[in-house]
Amino acid sequence: MRHAVVLGAGIGGLFAAAALSEVCERVTVVERDRLPAGPAQRRGVPQGRHAHVLVTAGAQALDRLFPGAYGELVAAGAPVVRDFAEFRLAPGGGRPLLVRRRPEQPFACQVSRPCLEAHLRARLGALSNVALRDGAAIAGLTATGGRVTGVSLVRGDDVRADLVVDATGRGSRAPVWLAELGYPAPRVERVPIDLVYVTRQLRPSGALPAKVVGVSARPGRPRGIVLFAQEQGRAILTVSGYGGHHPPRDPAGLMATVAEIAPPDVLAALRAAEPLGDPVLARFPANVRLRYERLRRFPTGFLVLGDAICSTNPAYALGMSVAALQAEALRDVLLAGDHDLARRFFPAATRPARAAWQAAVGGDLKLPEVPGPRPLPIRLAGVYTGRLLRAAERDPVVAHQFLRVASLQDPATRLFRPSVAVRAALRGRDLRDSADDRLSGD
């Protein structure tokens, strides 16, 4: 394939460009924003100010798309969880998971979004067949017959291409463009959750109690927190809440909310830390996925990737990793030829998106404070998941399998294997933790 155009220079677009650079003579990334020279927040990525993480499968895909990038990020100071003693995670909202086995691979990389984007842009800029064109707003697709031939820019000439990949995120106009070309739009699945999250950058006065601290929302307390160590000795705190339980944005109110959730040592570390700027707020109204894989008619020369396919609750921290896995799928289908791309790519891209969707929607709908229909299969899955998470607080075998699924290394079906299900049934009794037990690990 001669020329591919990627729409959007966010994480999904940068991963897609790396994948395409292996199979195309030329790749052009078209971005509306003016791209900074180094790590910096930019207008088109407001979520870049909040906590991000690459889970195991995403970090592995990063290193396959950009060989050596993982080690370069670590050398640049990105914290990495190499041992489960370095983190405390309570996905059930109570006690932390009981994990004793050292992970086979580093579990998480907590590089900040601006740092990761800057690093990937620099790597792409070193490739002779990749060009980044910023400050270019996209007006729409150009097409002849049933083939997309490129993109039209708001200011400037059309850009011709053999393949256009839309990686513009939640705001993707792909359904509108398809309708303009006479194609059906994909069915949209939407699960409203009315989530608000507030984030503050910090500089700890000493070592944090753990590189990762996370306690999820639970029934009766639909609020959660995450605290990540980051590069350059910084840390990032995000507090999230559903519906009528949105966290306040003012510093005093935010810390009061944290005090309701965090264990004493974490709370003390946060109170001693130096704030780096004011808290920032973001809203996430709904989990959304578009079922492109179910369309029977689709134009040649056009694909969609990343959050433009599936956008899930950021509290589950899977978006970047899903985009990396989808970019690998794009490369693999192109290596097998450029025939029937949509028919071959969308099912492959749906697999990691489905895993993220199941995790986010299943987790959100177990909270009675989140509205929405709960058919019998959802209710049964919620009951089982509750037992599983309670068991994972007491059983290292269950905890280990849960983490492999949560990091996209294993499919969710592994959680239903008899060896896990029996342990969930025996050790998943609803024993209430006392307030003194929160994330203590005792």
Protein backbone atom coordinates (compact mmCIF):
# COMPACT_ATOMS: atom_id res chain seq x y z
CA MET A 1 0.00 0.00 0.00
CA ARG A 2 1.39 3.38 -1.03
CA HIS A 3 -0.12 6.05 1.24
CA ALA A 4 -2.16 5.87 4.45
CA VAL A 5 -3.62 8.83 6.33
CA VAL A 6 -4.33 8.69 10.06
CA LEU A 7 -6.83 11.19 11.46
CA GLY A 8 -5.78 12.32 14.95
CA ALA A 9 -2.41 12.43 16.71
CA GLY A 10 -3.65 11.14 20.05
CA ILE A 11 -2.53 7.84 21.48
CA GLY A 12 -4.67 5.78 19.09
CA GLY A 13 -3.46 7.74 16.08
CA LEU A 14 0.20 7.44 17.04
CA PHE A 15 -0.12 3.70 17.58
CA ALA A 16 -1.93 3.36 14.24
CA ALA A 17 0.80 5.35 12.45
CA ALA A 18 3.48 3.07 13.87
CA ALA A 19 1.57 0.00 12.70
CA LEU A 20 1.01 1.44 9.22
CA SER A 21 4.65 2.49 8.86
CA GLU A 22 5.56 -1.19 8.66
CA VAL A 23 3.32 -1.91 5.67
CA CYS A 24 2.87 1.40 3.80
CA GLU A 25 5.29 3.41 1.72
CA ARG A 26 4.07 6.66 3.30
CA VAL A 27 1.99 7.54 6.37
CA THR A 28 0.59 10.99 7.11
CA VAL A 29 -0.91 11.85 10.51
CA VAL A 30 -3.36 14.75 10.28
CA GLU A 31 -4.08 16.61 13.53
CA ARG A 32 -6.26 19.64 14.25
CA ASP A 33 -4.12 20.86 17.18
CA ARG A 34 -0.74 22.49 16.94
CA LEU A 35 1.51 19.83 18.39
CA PRO A 36 3.98 20.85 21.12
CA ALA A 37 7.68 20.12 20.75
CA GLY A 38 7.79 18.13 23.97
CA PRO A 39 5.56 16.91 26.81
CA ALA A 40 2.77 19.44 27.26
CA GLN A 41 -0.97 19.55 27.70
CA ARG A 42 -2.90 20.43 24.58
CA ARG A 43 -6.38 21.68 23.93
CA GLY A 44 -7.58 18.67 21.95
CA VAL A 45 -6.75 16.23 24.76
CA PRO A 46 -8.35 17.59 27.94
CA GLN A 47 -8.23 14.10 29.45
CA GLY A 48 -4.43 14.33 29.25
CA ARG A 49 -4.48 16.16 32.59
CA HIS A 50 -5.83 13.06 34.33
CA ALA A 51 -4.35 9.71 35.39
CA HIS A 52 -3.32 7.27 32.66
CA VAL A 53 -1.70 3.85 32.73
CA LEU A 54 -0.60 1.15 30.31
CA VAL A 55 -1.55 -2.26 31.67
CA THR A 56 0.56 -5.31 30.86
CA ALA A 57 -0.91 -6.19 27.46
CA GLY A 58 -0.84 -2.55 26.38
CA ALA A 59 2.77 -2.09 27.45
CA GLN A 60 3.76 -5.23 25.56
CA ALA A 61 1.96 -3.99 22.44
CA LEU A 62 3.69 -0.62 22.80
CA ASP A 63 7.06 -2.34 22.72
CA ARG A 64 6.12 -4.37 19.65
CA LEU A 65 4.93 -1.26 17.77
CA PHE A 66 7.84 0.92 18.97
CA PRO A 67 10.68 -1.51 19.73
CA GLY A 68 12.55 -0.45 22.85
CA ALA A 69 10.05 2.28 23.77
CA TYR A 70 9.11 0.70 27.08
CA GLY A 71 12.70 0.68 28.27
CA GLU A 72 13.17 4.25 27.04
CA LEU A 73 10.18 5.44 29.06
CA VAL A 74 11.47 3.67 32.16
CA ALA A 75 14.91 5.23 31.62
CA ALA A 76 13.19 8.61 31.38
CA GLY A 77 11.68 8.08 34.82
CA ALA A 78 8.27 6.52 34.15
CA PRO A 79 7.35 4.43 37.21
CA VAL A 80 6.71 0.75 36.57
CA VAL A 81 5.08 -1.79 38.87
CA ARG A 82 7.38 -4.81 38.75
CA ASP A 83 6.22 -6.40 41.97
CA PHE A 84 2.74 -6.55 43.45
CA ALA A 85 4.22 -5.38 46.75
CA GLU A 86 4.46 -1.99 44.99
CA PHE A 87 0.74 -1.53 44.68
CA ARG A 88 -2.52 -1.71 46.61
CA LEU A 89 -5.60 -2.32 44.54
CA ALA A 90 -9.11 -2.80 45.91
CA PRO A 91 -11.41 -3.32 42.89
CA GLY A 92 -14.22 -4.37 45.22
CA GLY A 93 -13.97 -1.11 47.12
CA GLY A 94 -12.97 -2.78 50.40
CA ARG A 95 -9.77 -4.59 51.29
CA PRO A 96 -6.92 -4.88 48.77
CA LEU A 97 -6.36 -7.92 46.61
CA LEU A 98 -4.29 -10.61 48.27
CA VAL A 99 -1.45 -11.10 45.79
CA ARG A 100 1.67 -13.07 46.59
CA ARG A 101 2.98 -14.13 43.20
CA ARG A 102 5.41 -11.83 41.41
CA PRO A 103 4.01 -10.83 37.98
CA GLU A 104 5.55 -12.55 34.97
CA GLN A 105 5.79 -9.15 33.24
CA PRO A 106 5.79 -5.59 34.62
CA PHE A 107 2.16 -5.03 35.53
CA ALA A 108 1.71 -1.33 34.82
CA CYS A 109 3.52 1.70 33.41
CA GLN A 110 2.23 4.99 34.85
CA VAL A 111 3.74 7.37 32.33
CA SER A 112 1.77 10.62 32.01
CA ARG A 113 -0.26 11.14 28.85
CA PRO A 114 1.75 14.20 27.65
CA CYS A 115 5.05 12.38 28.21
CA LEU A 116 3.89 9.28 26.33
CA GLU A 117 2.52 11.28 23.39
CA ALA A 118 5.72 13.32 23.13
CA HIS A 119 7.85 10.18 23.17
CA LEU A 120 5.78 8.47 20.48
CA ARG A 121 5.76 11.60 18.30
CA ALA A 122 9.56 11.74 18.54
CA ARG A 123 9.85 8.07 17.57
CA LEU A 124 7.54 8.58 14.58
CA GLY A 125 9.39 11.75 13.59
CA ALA A 126 12.55 9.67 13.23
CA LEU A 127 10.90 7.45 10.59
CA SER A 128 11.51 8.53 7.01
CA ASN A 129 8.09 7.37 5.79
CA VAL A 130 5.95 9.10 8.47
CA ALA A 131 4.90 12.76 8.44
CA LEU A 132 2.90 14.62 11.10
CA ARG A 133 0.74 17.45 9.75
CA ASP A 134 -0.66 19.55 12.57
CA GLY A 135 -3.01 22.54 12.58
CA ALA A 136 -5.14 20.82 9.94
CA ALA A 137 -8.87 20.54 10.65
CA ILE A 138 -10.69 17.77 8.76
CA ALA A 139 -13.79 18.66 6.78
CA GLY A 140 -14.68 15.14 5.67
CA LEU A 141 -13.80 12.20 3.48
CA THR A 142 -13.35 12.23 -0.27
CA ALA A 143 -14.62 9.23 -2.18
CA THR A 144 -15.21 7.82 -5.63
CA GLY A 145 -17.88 5.18 -5.92
CA GLY A 146 -17.49 2.82 -3.02
CA ARG A 147 -13.88 3.76 -2.23
CA VAL A 148 -12.61 6.44 0.11
CA THR A 149 -9.82 8.29 -1.68
CA GLY A 150 -8.60 10.62 1.06
CA VAL A 151 -9.67 13.51 3.28
CA SER A 152 -10.76 17.07 2.69
CA LEU A 153 -9.27 19.75 4.95
CA VAL A 154 -11.03 22.90 6.15
CA ARG A 155 -8.10 24.99 4.96
CA GLY A 156 -5.90 23.43 2.34
CA ASP A 157 -5.94 20.92 -0.45
CA ASP A 158 -7.42 17.45 -0.26
CA VAL A 159 -5.04 14.74 0.92
CA ARG A 160 -5.26 11.64 -1.24
CA ALA A 161 -4.70 8.22 0.31
CA ASP A 162 -5.14 4.51 -0.33
CA LEU A 163 -6.35 4.10 3.27
CA VAL A 164 -7.82 6.51 5.83
CA VAL A 165 -7.87 5.48 9.51
CA ASP A 166 -10.08 7.52 11.84
CA ALA A 167 -8.50 7.73 15.30
CA THR A 168 -10.20 10.96 16.40
CA GLY A 169 -11.69 9.50 19.58
CA ARG A 170 -15.10 9.90 21.17
CA GLY A 171 -15.90 12.86 18.93
CA SER A 172 -15.41 10.86 15.73
CA ARG A 173 -17.62 11.96 12.84
CA ALA A 174 -17.26 8.62 11.07
CA PRO A 175 -20.99 7.77 11.37
CA VAL A 176 -21.87 11.11 9.75
CA TRP A 177 -19.33 10.59 6.99
CA LEU A 178 -20.66 7.12 6.29
CA ALA A 179 -24.19 8.50 5.97
CA GLU A 180 -22.96 11.19 3.57
CA LEU A 181 -21.48 8.45 1.40
CA GLY A 182 -24.71 6.45 1.44
CA TYR A 183 -23.65 3.81 3.97
CA PRO A 184 -25.50 2.80 7.14
CA ALA A 185 -24.20 4.06 10.46
CA PRO A 186 -23.17 1.46 13.04
CA ARG A 187 -25.50 0.63 15.89
CA VAL A 188 -24.53 2.57 19.01
CA GLU A 189 -24.64 0.98 22.45
CA ARG A 190 -24.67 3.50 25.29
CA VAL A 191 -24.65 2.89 29.05
CA PRO A 192 -25.08 6.20 30.90
CA ILE A 193 -23.10 6.45 34.15
CA ASP A 194 -22.88 10.22 34.86
CA LEU A 195 -19.29 10.00 36.12
CA VAL A 196 -17.30 13.03 37.23
CA TYR A 197 -13.64 12.80 38.13
CA VAL A 198 -11.36 15.42 39.67
CA THR A 199 -7.58 15.24 39.39
CA ARG A 200 -4.71 17.00 41.10
CA GLN A 201 -0.99 16.83 40.38
CA LEU A 202 1.20 16.55 43.47
CA ARG A 203 4.82 16.38 44.53
CA PRO A 204 5.13 13.95 47.47
CA SER A 205 7.32 14.98 50.38
CA GLY A 206 8.74 11.46 50.52
CA ALA A 207 8.12 8.02 49.10
CA LEU A 208 4.48 7.16 48.48
CA PRO A 209 3.04 4.19 50.41
CA ALA A 210 2.81 2.40 47.02
CA LYS A 211 3.41 3.20 43.36
CA VAL A 212 -0.27 2.52 42.70
CA VAL A 213 -3.12 2.91 45.17
CA GLY A 214 -6.63 2.27 43.92
CA VAL A 215 -9.93 1.77 45.67
CA SER A 216 -13.01 1.43 43.49
CA ALA A 217 -16.54 2.63 44.05
CA ARG A 218 -18.88 0.17 45.74
CA PRO A 219 -22.62 -0.01 46.45
CA GLY A 220 -23.51 2.59 49.05
CA ARG A 221 -20.30 4.53 48.38
CA PRO A 222 -20.14 5.21 44.64
CA ARG A 223 -16.83 7.06 44.82
CA GLY A 224 -13.30 5.85 44.25
CA ILE A 225 -9.72 7.08 44.15
CA VAL A 226 -6.50 6.29 42.32
CA LEU A 227 -3.05 7.56 43.23
CA PHE A 228 -0.19 6.96 40.79
CA ALA A 229 3.49 7.76 41.06
CA GLN A 230 4.65 9.51 37.88
CA GLU A 231 7.86 10.66 36.22
CA GLN A 232 10.03 13.45 37.67
CA GLY A 233 9.05 12.63 41.23
CA ARG A 234 5.43 13.68 40.74
CA ALA A 235 2.22 11.90 41.65
CA ILE A 236 -1.33 12.20 40.35
CA LEU A 237 -4.51 11.78 42.37
CA THR A 238 -7.90 11.22 40.75
CA VAL A 239 -11.17 11.06 42.69
CA SER A 240 -14.27 9.86 40.83
CA GLY A 241 -17.94 9.68 41.68
CA TYR A 242 -21.22 8.67 40.05
CA GLY A 243 -24.56 10.46 39.85
CA GLY A 244 -25.36 12.52 42.92
CA HIS A 245 -22.00 11.61 44.45
CA HIS A 246 -19.72 13.71 42.26
CA PRO A 247 -16.50 14.77 44.02
CA PRO A 248 -16.06 18.49 44.74
CA ARG A 249 -13.47 20.48 42.84
CA ASP A 250 -12.30 22.75 45.66
CA PRO A 251 -9.13 21.47 47.39
CA ALA A 252 -10.62 21.26 50.89
CA GLY A 253 -13.73 19.43 49.72
CA LEU A 254 -11.66 17.10 47.55
CA MET A 255 -9.41 16.15 50.47
CA ALA A 256 -12.44 15.58 52.67
CA THR A 257 -13.76 13.13 50.07
CA VAL A 258 -10.40 11.36 49.93
CA ALA A 259 -10.45 11.03 53.72
CA GLU A 260 -13.64 8.98 53.43
CA ILE A 261 -11.92 6.42 51.19
CA ALA A 262 -8.13 6.36 51.65
CA PRO A 263 -6.27 4.46 54.39
CA PRO A 264 -4.45 6.54 57.00
CA ASP A 265 -0.93 6.29 55.56
CA VAL A 266 -2.10 7.27 52.07
CA LEU A 267 -4.14 10.15 53.45
CA ALA A 268 -1.12 11.37 55.46
CA ALA A 269 1.09 11.25 52.35
CA LEU A 270 -1.46 13.26 50.38
CA ARG A 271 -1.78 15.90 53.08
CA ALA A 272 1.99 16.28 53.22
CA ALA A 273 2.39 16.54 49.43
CA GLU A 274 2.90 19.82 47.59
CA PRO A 275 0.00 20.60 45.20
CA LEU A 276 1.09 21.36 41.64
CA GLY A 277 -1.75 23.50 40.37
CA ASP A 278 -5.47 23.47 41.05
CA PRO A 279 -7.71 20.42 40.78
CA VAL A 280 -9.17 19.86 37.30
CA LEU A 281 -12.54 18.31 36.55
CA ALA A 282 -13.78 16.08 33.74
CA ARG A 283 -17.12 14.47 32.96
CA PHE A 284 -17.72 11.06 31.45
CA PRO A 285 -21.44 10.70 30.74
CA ALA A 286 -21.58 7.19 29.31
CA ASN A 287 -19.78 4.08 28.12
CA VAL A 288 -20.24 4.02 24.34
CA ARG A 289 -19.38 1.50 21.65
CA LEU A 290 -20.19 1.48 17.95
CA ARG A 291 -20.73 -1.92 16.37
CA TYR A 292 -18.77 -1.48 13.14
CA GLU A 293 -18.09 -5.20 13.01
CA ARG A 294 -21.80 -5.82 12.37
CA LEU A 295 -22.08 -3.62 9.28
CA ARG A 296 -22.57 -5.53 6.05
CA ARG A 297 -21.69 -2.60 3.81
CA PHE A 298 -18.64 -0.46 4.37
CA PRO A 299 -16.55 1.67 1.99
CA THR A 300 -13.18 0.41 0.82
CA GLY A 301 -10.18 2.36 2.04
CA PHE A 302 -11.58 3.48 5.40
CA LEU A 303 -11.26 2.12 8.96
CA VAL A 304 -11.96 3.34 12.51
CA LEU A 305 -9.82 2.67 15.59
CA GLY A 306 -9.55 3.37 19.32
CA ASP A 307 -12.10 5.40 21.27
CA ALA A 308 -13.93 6.04 18.00
CA ILE A 309 -14.98 2.37 18.25
CA CYS A 310 -15.33 1.93 22.00
CA SER A 311 -14.96 4.42 24.84
CA THR A 312 -15.22 3.09 28.39
CA ASN A 313 -15.12 4.47 31.91
CA PRO A 314 -11.58 5.84 32.41
CA ALA A 315 -11.56 4.53 35.98
CA TYR A 316 -10.76 1.11 34.46
CA ALA A 317 -7.69 2.55 32.69
CA LEU A 318 -7.92 0.41 29.55
CA GLY A 319 -8.29 2.92 26.71
CA MET A 320 -4.62 3.29 25.74
CA SER A 321 -3.96 -0.43 25.98
CA VAL A 322 -6.99 -1.26 23.81
CA ALA A 323 -5.79 1.24 21.19
CA ALA A 324 -2.34 -0.39 21.12
CA LEU A 325 -3.83 -3.85 20.63
CA GLN A 326 -6.13 -2.57 17.87
CA ALA A 327 -3.16 -0.98 16.10
CA GLU A 328 -1.42 -4.34 16.15
CA ALA A 329 -4.53 -5.91 14.65
CA LEU A 330 -4.45 -3.28 11.90
CA ARG A 331 -0.86 -4.12 11.06
CA ASP A 332 -1.54 -7.84 11.06
CA VAL A 333 -4.54 -7.68 8.72
CA LEU A 334 -2.59 -5.46 6.31
CA LEU A 335 0.36 -7.83 6.33
CA ALA A 336 -2.08 -10.48 5.09
CA GLY A 337 -3.17 -8.21 2.20
CA ASP A 338 -5.37 -5.16 1.61
CA HIS A 339 -8.46 -7.08 0.45
CA ASP A 340 -11.69 -6.91 2.48
CA LEU A 341 -9.99 -4.79 5.14
CA ALA A 342 -13.14 -3.78 7.02
CA ARG A 343 -14.47 -7.33 7.13
CA ARG A 344 -11.18 -8.59 8.57
CA PHE A 345 -10.14 -5.65 10.76
CA PHE A 346 -13.28 -4.78 12.73
CA PRO A 347 -13.78 -8.24 14.26
CA ALA A 348 -10.11 -8.27 15.30
CA ALA A 349 -10.37 -4.75 16.75
CA THR A 350 -13.55 -5.71 18.60
CA ARG A 351 -11.82 -8.36 20.73
CA PRO A 352 -9.83 -6.01 23.01
CA ALA A 353 -12.69 -3.49 22.93
CA ARG A 354 -15.11 -6.17 24.11
CA ALA A 355 -12.85 -6.98 27.06
CA ALA A 356 -12.77 -3.33 28.12
CA TRP A 357 -16.54 -3.00 27.61
CA GLN A 358 -17.30 -6.06 29.74
CA ALA A 359 -15.04 -4.82 32.54
CA ALA A 360 -16.39 -1.27 32.58
CA VAL A 361 -20.08 -1.92 32.03
CA GLY A 362 -20.10 -4.90 34.38
CA GLY A 363 -18.34 -2.90 37.06
CA ASP A 364 -20.55 0.16 36.64
CA LEU A 365 -23.84 -1.72 36.65
CA LYS A 366 -23.04 -3.51 39.90
CA LEU A 367 -23.56 -0.11 41.55
CA PRO A 368 -27.26 0.51 42.29
CA GLU A 369 -26.52 4.24 42.03
CA VAL A 370 -25.92 3.81 38.26
CA PRO A 371 -29.21 3.77 36.33
CA GLY A 372 -29.88 1.41 33.46
CA PRO A 373 -31.55 -1.87 32.60
CA ARG A 374 -30.12 -4.99 34.17
CA PRO A 375 -31.38 -8.09 32.39
CA LEU A 376 -30.97 -11.40 34.18
CA PRO A 377 -27.53 -12.24 32.67
CA ILE A 378 -26.19 -8.87 33.88
CA ARG A 379 -27.60 -9.41 37.37
CA LEU A 380 -26.17 -12.93 37.59
CA ALA A 381 -22.78 -11.71 36.37
CA GLY A 382 -22.89 -8.94 38.98
CA VAL A 383 -23.54 -11.42 41.78
CA TYR A 384 -20.69 -13.64 40.61
CA THR A 385 -18.29 -10.71 40.20
CA GLY A 386 -19.05 -9.55 43.73
CA ARG A 387 -18.21 -12.98 45.10
CA LEU A 388 -15.09 -13.17 42.94
CA LEU A 389 -13.74 -9.82 44.16
CA ARG A 390 -14.43 -10.70 47.79
CA ALA A 391 -12.62 -14.00 47.27
CA ALA A 392 -9.69 -12.14 45.65
CA GLU A 393 -9.26 -10.21 48.90
CA ARG A 394 -8.52 -13.53 50.65
CA ASP A 395 -7.32 -15.92 47.94
CA PRO A 396 -4.10 -15.19 45.99
CA VAL A 397 -5.04 -17.64 43.21
CA VAL A 398 -8.27 -15.77 42.48
CA ALA A 399 -6.50 -12.41 42.80
CA HIS A 400 -3.79 -13.45 40.34
CA GLN A 401 -6.30 -14.59 37.74
CA PHE A 402 -8.36 -11.43 38.19
CA LEU A 403 -5.29 -9.26 37.57
CA ARG A 404 -4.39 -11.17 34.42
CA VAL A 405 -7.88 -10.47 33.06
CA ALA A 406 -7.85 -6.84 34.25
CA SER A 407 -4.53 -6.26 32.46
CA LEU A 408 -5.93 -7.78 29.21
CA GLN A 409 -3.52 -10.71 29.28
CA ASP A 410 -6.30 -13.30 29.60
CA PRO A 411 -9.92 -13.30 28.38
CA ALA A 412 -12.69 -12.80 30.93
CA THR A 413 -13.78 -16.42 30.42
CA ARG A 414 -10.81 -17.46 32.58
CA LEU A 415 -12.67 -16.07 35.59
CA PHE A 416 -15.38 -18.69 35.11
CA ARG A 417 -13.12 -21.73 35.04
CA PRO A 418 -14.06 -24.32 37.68
CA SER A 419 -10.78 -23.84 39.54
CA VAL A 420 -11.60 -20.14 40.01
CA ALA A 421 -15.38 -20.46 40.37
CA VAL A 422 -15.09 -22.94 43.24
CA ARG A 423 -12.72 -20.64 45.10
CA ALA A 424 -15.06 -17.69 44.47
CA ALA A 425 -17.97 -19.66 45.91
CA LEU A 426 -16.06 -20.85 48.97
CA ARG A 427 -14.15 -17.67 49.79
CA GLY A 428 -16.49 -15.02 48.40
CA ARG A 429 -18.81 -14.77 51.38
CA ASP A 430 -19.97 -11.24 52.10
CA LEU A 431 -17.87 -10.48 55.18
CA ARG A 432 -17.91 -6.74 55.83
CA ASP A 433 -14.57 -5.07 56.45
CA SER A 434 -14.26 -2.60 59.25
CA ALA A 435 -13.25 0.98 58.49
CA ASP A 436 -9.83 0.27 60.00
CA ASP A 437 -9.20 -2.46 57.39
CA ARG A 438 -9.40 -0.25 54.30
CA LEU A 439 -6.48 -1.06 52.02
CA SER A 440 -4.40 -2.04 55.00
CA GLY A 441 -3.43 -5.36 53.46
CA ASP A 442 -3.58 -7.03 56.89
